[in-house]
Amino acid sequence: MCNNSVDLEDRIDRIEEIWTKASYSYVEEGMAYNIIKVYKLYEKLGFKDFKEYCLKRVKKTVWRVEHIIKAAQTTWNLLLNGFEELPSNVSQAYALYEPTKKKDNDYDIETAWQDILHRCEEENTAITAGLIEKTVSPEKKKRGSRVKLPEDVMAKLREEAEAKGQDPDDLAADIIKEYFAVEHDSGPDTETAAEPEPINNLKVPVSKTPETKTWEEDLEALVQERYANENNYGTTTDSSAVPEVFHPEGDISPGDKGQVRRPPT
């Protein structure tokens, strides 16, 4: 094809046809996958399900194959609706399709694609997957960084995301946010309980009844009498020399009942 430059000018249409076909080859690829899936042709090849077929035959995850299928169907429908300019790769087509996964919305792919074409023409800018996503899914936040996960973990994440109708990246972000929220709520309490104040420092106001006041006066008199005896005799008397006022059980000695009153209860 490139041996003669003169021939290249005559074959420019053919050359452009090659790259154009290559750009939209994902449509044929996705349609082929869908035929195998819908008609269960993978069983003819000895595979138990479509997932196993994708992994062992196609060498792609079923999540990736499903993406290609949805992208192909989206572009094919645009073609049937008369659009000549179409999404040029899987990422663009799937970004255009993604809002349809949300329930109870009036999103229309054809209208959205027409708006994107007008916007790119007015702003003289190229069509990209990021621009499509920003236009049809403005609520989605721009992703900053990516985390590499083991393939088995990523496969489970994709399956769960597909079941929930979410993007795997968004589901992973939700899981991580929930994890940190739980960790923060269940952390150790930063407030330290106040230590109990020593009993000696506790000052509890007690209203003294006449009976209580009289008992305290009797007790004070006994104490003063004890010290007076020690000072007068200059010796230490043993406990038997001091009149027993209270028995261990709390009763009062018979000989003292007339002078000492029972403490109030």
Foldseek 3Di string as FASTA:
>chain_A
DPPDPVVCVVCVVVVVVVVQCVLLVLLVVLVVLVVCQVVVVVVVVPDPHSQVCCCPPVVDGVLVSVLSNQLNVQQVVLVVVPDPDGDRHSLQSSLLVLVVLDPDDPDDSNVLVVVLVVVCVVVVHDDDSVSSNCRPPVVDDDDDDDDDDPPVVLSVLSVVCVVVSHDSVVVVVVVVVVVVVVCVVPDDDPDDDDDDDDPVPDDDDDDDDPLQVVQVVLVVVLVVVQVVVCVVVVDDDDPVVRDAQADPVQHGDPVCPVPHPRHDD
